Amino acid sequence: MREDSSILQSVDTAISVLMSVAKAPDIRLSEIARNLGETKPRILRMLRTLEHRGMVQKTQKGGFRLGNTIIVLGTAASTQVDLVRIASPIMEDVGQKVNETVQLRIIDNSEALCIAKFEPTRDLRVHAMIGRRRPLYAGSRKVLLAFLPPQVQQQMLPEQLDRFTPRTVTHRPRLIAQLEAIRKTGHCITRGEVSEQIVSVAVPVLAFDGSVIAALNIAAPAFRTREDDLQHFTTLLKDAARQISKGLGW
């Protein structure tokens, strides 16, 4: 097989080392090196790096076990998997009721990341893509930004706020005022901020500790969406978000 040039071999091997420790707690350096066909000095460097980041820890017997950082990663992964599993049927129910596109987004690396979607079968609809990233400051995904502490909000905002349409808010004081209003109402309605042809409504989804873990939104073509439709979308989304949040332990 041709080797994929986009793969970093050292990272790939480090993940193999981590999986070896996960599958066999207390596994020793020599056994990992033998199983992976690598030299002991190379595997030792990787183990020390993983240990430095808390992903593995050395045992009293000289072997290696998973470290505390893995617990954090595992909890986050479990929450996200549970989030999609719980949200998917609820999103489909909402989507069927309004016959529009429904998306679930989370914050990932200072961007909004789509992790689940429902699209209606009608020809003219908003197309969603799982894995697509969008800036937090434009469109209804601002609801994710709104519930962060002010200092974290500032860290999430890029130096320059790009304008996607004439409706995109790029004036920071005005954006901050919008975020405050979103916190008060518990939802965000935007019209043409990313695409002039799209309107969108979003509400927050809460984790078990009450923090905002995701945003649930409906996006629809502007030409067929009236103001009373937006209010109806908001009501449906808030009820759906409560169901998802309850399923997550809130």
Protein backbone atom coordinates (compact mmCIF):
# COMPACT_ATOMS: atom_id res chain seq x y z
CA MET A 1 0.00 0.00 0.00
CA ARG A 2 1.21 3.53 -0.81
CA GLU A 3 1.97 5.52 2.32
CA ASP A 4 -0.23 8.57 2.80
CA SER A 5 2.09 11.59 2.69
CA SER A 6 -0.34 13.59 4.88
CA ILE A 7 0.21 11.26 7.86
CA LEU A 8 2.92 12.13 10.39
CA GLN A 9 4.64 8.84 11.13
CA SER A 10 5.79 9.89 14.59
CA VAL A 11 2.23 10.85 15.61
CA ASP A 12 0.86 7.64 14.13
CA THR A 13 3.38 5.60 16.13
CA ALA A 14 2.65 7.56 19.32
CA ILE A 15 -1.04 6.70 18.95
CA SER A 16 -0.08 3.04 18.50
CA VAL A 17 1.93 3.27 21.73
CA LEU A 18 -1.05 4.79 23.52
CA MET A 19 -3.37 2.05 22.23
CA SER A 20 -0.88 -0.58 23.38
CA VAL A 21 -1.00 0.82 26.91
CA ALA A 22 -4.81 1.01 26.77
CA LYS A 23 -5.12 -2.64 25.73
CA ALA A 24 -2.58 -4.00 28.22
CA PRO A 25 -2.26 -2.06 31.50
CA ASP A 26 1.22 -2.38 33.08
CA ILE A 27 2.74 -3.23 29.71
CA ARG A 28 6.50 -2.73 29.67
CA LEU A 29 8.65 -0.71 27.29
CA SER A 30 10.32 -3.76 25.71
CA GLU A 31 6.97 -5.41 24.97
CA ILE A 32 5.58 -2.28 23.30
CA ALA A 33 8.71 -1.94 21.16
CA ARG A 34 8.58 -5.60 20.17
CA ASN A 35 4.86 -5.50 19.31
CA LEU A 36 5.24 -2.39 17.18
CA GLY A 37 8.55 -3.37 15.58
CA GLU A 38 10.23 -0.22 16.87
CA THR A 39 13.43 0.46 18.78
CA LYS A 40 13.25 0.84 22.54
CA PRO A 41 14.88 4.33 22.55
CA ARG A 42 12.21 5.64 20.13
CA ILE A 43 9.33 4.14 22.12
CA LEU A 44 10.84 5.45 25.37
CA ARG A 45 10.88 9.02 23.97
CA MET A 46 7.24 8.67 23.02
CA LEU A 47 6.28 7.26 26.40
CA ARG A 48 8.08 10.10 28.18
CA THR A 49 6.25 12.65 26.00
CA LEU A 50 2.90 10.99 26.69
CA GLU A 51 3.77 10.86 30.38
CA HIS A 52 4.64 14.58 30.33
CA ARG A 53 1.11 15.32 29.01
CA GLY A 54 -0.51 13.03 31.58
CA MET A 55 -1.69 10.52 28.99
CA VAL A 56 0.28 7.61 30.46
CA GLN A 57 1.88 7.03 33.83
CA LYS A 58 4.61 4.67 34.96
CA THR A 59 3.65 2.06 37.53
CA GLN A 60 5.66 0.83 40.51
CA LYS A 61 6.38 -2.38 38.61
CA GLY A 62 8.02 -0.45 35.77
CA GLY A 63 5.17 -0.80 33.31
CA PHE A 64 2.80 1.83 31.93
CA ARG A 65 -0.89 2.61 32.45
CA LEU A 66 -3.20 5.30 31.10
CA GLY A 67 -2.91 8.66 32.85
CA ASN A 68 -5.47 11.12 34.18
CA THR A 69 -5.59 13.17 30.98
CA ILE A 70 -7.20 10.20 29.24
CA ILE A 71 -10.06 10.38 31.75
CA VAL A 72 -10.71 13.96 30.66
CA LEU A 73 -10.61 12.97 26.98
CA GLY A 74 -12.80 9.96 27.61
CA THR A 75 -15.38 12.01 29.45
CA ALA A 76 -15.46 14.60 26.66
CA ALA A 77 -15.75 11.91 23.99
CA SER A 78 -18.48 10.11 25.89
CA THR A 79 -20.41 13.36 26.30
CA GLN A 80 -20.17 14.17 22.61
CA VAL A 81 -21.19 10.65 21.57
CA ASP A 82 -24.10 10.76 24.01
CA LEU A 83 -24.97 14.22 22.74
CA VAL A 84 -25.36 13.05 19.13
CA ARG A 85 -27.15 9.85 20.14
CA ILE A 86 -29.65 11.72 22.30
CA ALA A 87 -30.07 14.67 19.97
CA SER A 88 -30.51 12.87 16.64
CA PRO A 89 -34.12 11.62 17.06
CA ILE A 90 -35.16 14.92 18.66
CA MET A 91 -33.60 16.86 15.78
CA GLU A 92 -35.43 14.67 13.28
CA ASP A 93 -38.72 15.32 15.05
CA VAL A 94 -38.15 19.09 14.91
CA GLY A 95 -37.04 18.90 11.28
CA GLN A 96 -40.11 16.93 10.27
CA LYS A 97 -42.37 19.47 11.97
CA VAL A 98 -40.88 22.52 10.22
CA ASN A 99 -39.62 20.78 7.05
CA GLU A 100 -36.35 22.68 7.33
CA THR A 101 -32.69 21.92 8.10
CA VAL A 102 -31.71 21.35 11.74
CA GLN A 103 -28.09 21.33 12.93
CA LEU A 104 -26.22 20.62 16.15
CA ARG A 105 -22.98 22.53 16.67
CA ILE A 106 -20.26 22.60 19.31
CA ILE A 107 -17.25 24.83 19.89
CA ASP A 108 -14.07 23.26 18.59
CA ASN A 109 -10.78 25.15 18.34
CA SER A 110 -12.50 28.57 18.50
CA GLU A 111 -14.94 27.64 15.72
CA ALA A 112 -18.45 26.24 15.50
CA LEU A 113 -18.33 22.61 14.35
CA CYS A 114 -21.38 20.78 12.97
CA ILE A 115 -21.61 17.32 14.58
CA ALA A 116 -25.16 16.26 13.59
CA LYS A 117 -27.84 17.35 11.15
CA PHE A 118 -31.30 16.71 9.73
CA GLU A 119 -32.22 17.80 6.22
CA PRO A 120 -35.73 17.70 4.72
CA THR A 121 -36.36 15.99 1.40
CA ARG A 122 -37.62 19.15 -0.35
CA ASP A 123 -35.48 20.31 -3.25
CA LEU A 124 -34.89 23.86 -2.05
CA ARG A 125 -33.34 23.65 1.41
CA VAL A 126 -30.31 24.74 3.40
CA HIS A 127 -27.56 22.16 2.93
CA ALA A 128 -25.65 21.15 6.05
CA MET A 129 -22.41 19.18 6.31
CA ILE A 130 -21.16 17.29 9.35
CA GLY A 131 -17.61 18.40 10.09
CA ARG A 132 -18.06 21.83 8.53
CA ARG A 133 -16.59 24.67 10.55
CA ARG A 134 -17.87 28.22 10.74
CA PRO A 135 -16.79 31.31 12.72
CA LEU A 136 -18.53 31.78 16.06
CA TYR A 137 -19.25 35.46 15.62
CA ALA A 138 -21.44 35.28 12.49
CA GLY A 139 -24.90 33.74 12.20
CA SER A 140 -26.97 32.06 14.88
CA ARG A 141 -23.99 30.10 16.18
CA LYS A 142 -23.28 33.28 18.16
CA VAL A 143 -25.43 31.58 20.78
CA LEU A 144 -22.37 29.43 21.61
CA LEU A 145 -20.27 32.53 22.09
CA ALA A 146 -22.91 34.36 24.12
CA PHE A 147 -22.82 32.02 27.11
CA LEU A 148 -19.05 32.05 27.54
CA PRO A 149 -17.39 34.25 30.18
CA PRO A 150 -16.40 37.67 28.72
CA GLN A 151 -12.68 36.94 28.88
CA VAL A 152 -13.17 33.65 27.02
CA GLN A 153 -15.33 35.41 24.43
CA GLN A 154 -12.45 37.75 23.69
CA GLN A 155 -10.05 34.83 23.31
CA MET A 156 -12.44 33.13 20.86
CA LEU A 157 -12.75 36.19 18.63
CA PRO A 158 -10.15 36.62 15.87
CA GLU A 159 -8.23 39.87 15.51
CA GLN A 160 -10.17 40.71 12.38
CA LEU A 161 -13.89 39.95 12.04
CA ASP A 162 -14.47 39.13 8.38
CA ARG A 163 -17.61 40.41 6.68
CA PHE A 164 -19.55 37.70 4.78
CA THR A 165 -22.52 39.86 3.82
CA PRO A 166 -23.57 43.48 4.48
CA ARG A 167 -25.44 42.14 7.55
CA THR A 168 -22.38 40.56 9.19
CA VAL A 169 -21.59 42.32 12.47
CA THR A 170 -17.89 43.23 12.52
CA HIS A 171 -18.08 46.10 15.06
CA ARG A 172 -16.96 44.54 18.35
CA PRO A 173 -19.02 46.70 20.76
CA ARG A 174 -22.16 46.00 18.73
CA LEU A 175 -21.35 42.27 18.71
CA ILE A 176 -20.85 42.23 22.49
CA ALA A 177 -24.20 43.98 22.93
CA GLN A 178 -25.83 41.30 20.77
CA LEU A 179 -24.27 38.55 22.87
CA GLU A 180 -25.67 40.12 26.03
CA ALA A 181 -29.14 40.24 24.44
CA ILE A 182 -28.86 36.57 23.43
CA ARG A 183 -28.03 35.59 27.02
CA LYS A 184 -31.13 37.41 28.25
CA THR A 185 -33.56 35.90 25.73
CA GLY A 186 -31.98 32.43 25.58
CA HIS A 187 -32.00 32.31 21.79
CA CYS A 188 -30.45 33.89 18.72
CA ILE A 189 -32.18 34.88 15.48
CA THR A 190 -30.06 36.04 12.54
CA ARG A 191 -30.98 37.14 9.05
CA GLY A 192 -28.50 36.96 6.21
CA GLU A 193 -25.28 37.29 8.24
CA VAL A 194 -23.41 34.49 6.49
CA SER A 195 -25.56 34.09 3.38
CA GLU A 196 -28.08 36.73 2.41
CA GLN A 197 -30.55 34.02 1.42
CA ILE A 198 -30.64 32.28 4.82
CA VAL A 199 -32.28 33.01 8.17
CA SER A 200 -31.43 30.99 11.24
CA VAL A 201 -32.55 30.45 14.83
CA ALA A 202 -30.40 28.80 17.53
CA VAL A 203 -30.74 27.92 21.21
CA PRO A 204 -28.22 26.53 23.73
CA VAL A 205 -28.05 22.91 24.88
CA LEU A 206 -26.89 22.37 28.45
CA ALA A 207 -24.57 19.70 29.84
CA PHE A 208 -25.15 18.00 33.19
CA ASP A 209 -23.40 20.84 35.03
CA GLY A 210 -25.46 23.59 33.40
CA SER A 211 -22.75 24.75 31.01
CA VAL A 212 -23.59 25.29 27.35
CA ILE A 213 -22.29 22.30 25.45
CA ALA A 214 -23.90 22.82 22.05
CA ALA A 215 -26.20 24.93 19.91
CA LEU A 216 -29.31 23.58 18.21
CA ASN A 217 -30.44 25.55 15.20
CA ILE A 218 -32.92 25.69 12.32
CA ALA A 219 -31.76 27.28 9.08
CA ALA A 220 -34.18 28.11 6.27
CA PRO A 221 -34.36 30.06 3.00
CA ALA A 222 -35.26 33.66 3.77
CA PHE A 223 -37.85 34.04 1.01
CA ARG A 224 -40.26 31.54 2.58
CA THR A 225 -39.67 32.31 6.26
CA ARG A 226 -41.98 34.80 7.98
CA GLU A 227 -41.56 36.39 11.41
CA ASP A 228 -44.18 34.08 12.93
CA ASP A 229 -42.21 31.12 11.50
CA LEU A 230 -39.12 32.32 13.38
CA GLN A 231 -41.10 32.51 16.63
CA HIS A 232 -42.44 29.01 16.00
CA PHE A 233 -38.90 27.75 15.31
CA THR A 234 -37.73 29.30 18.58
CA THR A 235 -40.44 27.61 20.62
CA LEU A 236 -39.76 24.20 19.05
CA LEU A 237 -36.00 24.54 19.48
CA LYS A 238 -36.22 25.53 23.14
CA ASP A 239 -38.40 22.52 23.88
CA ALA A 240 -36.04 20.24 21.93
CA ALA A 241 -32.99 21.68 23.73
CA ARG A 242 -34.65 21.00 27.09
CA GLN A 243 -35.19 17.37 26.07
CA ILE A 244 -31.57 16.96 24.96
CA SER A 245 -30.24 18.70 28.07
CA LYS A 246 -32.38 16.46 30.26
CA GLY A 247 -30.97 13.42 28.48
CA LEU A 248 -27.45 14.67 29.28
CA GLY A 249 -28.29 14.91 32.97
CA TRP A 250 -29.30 18.57 33.32
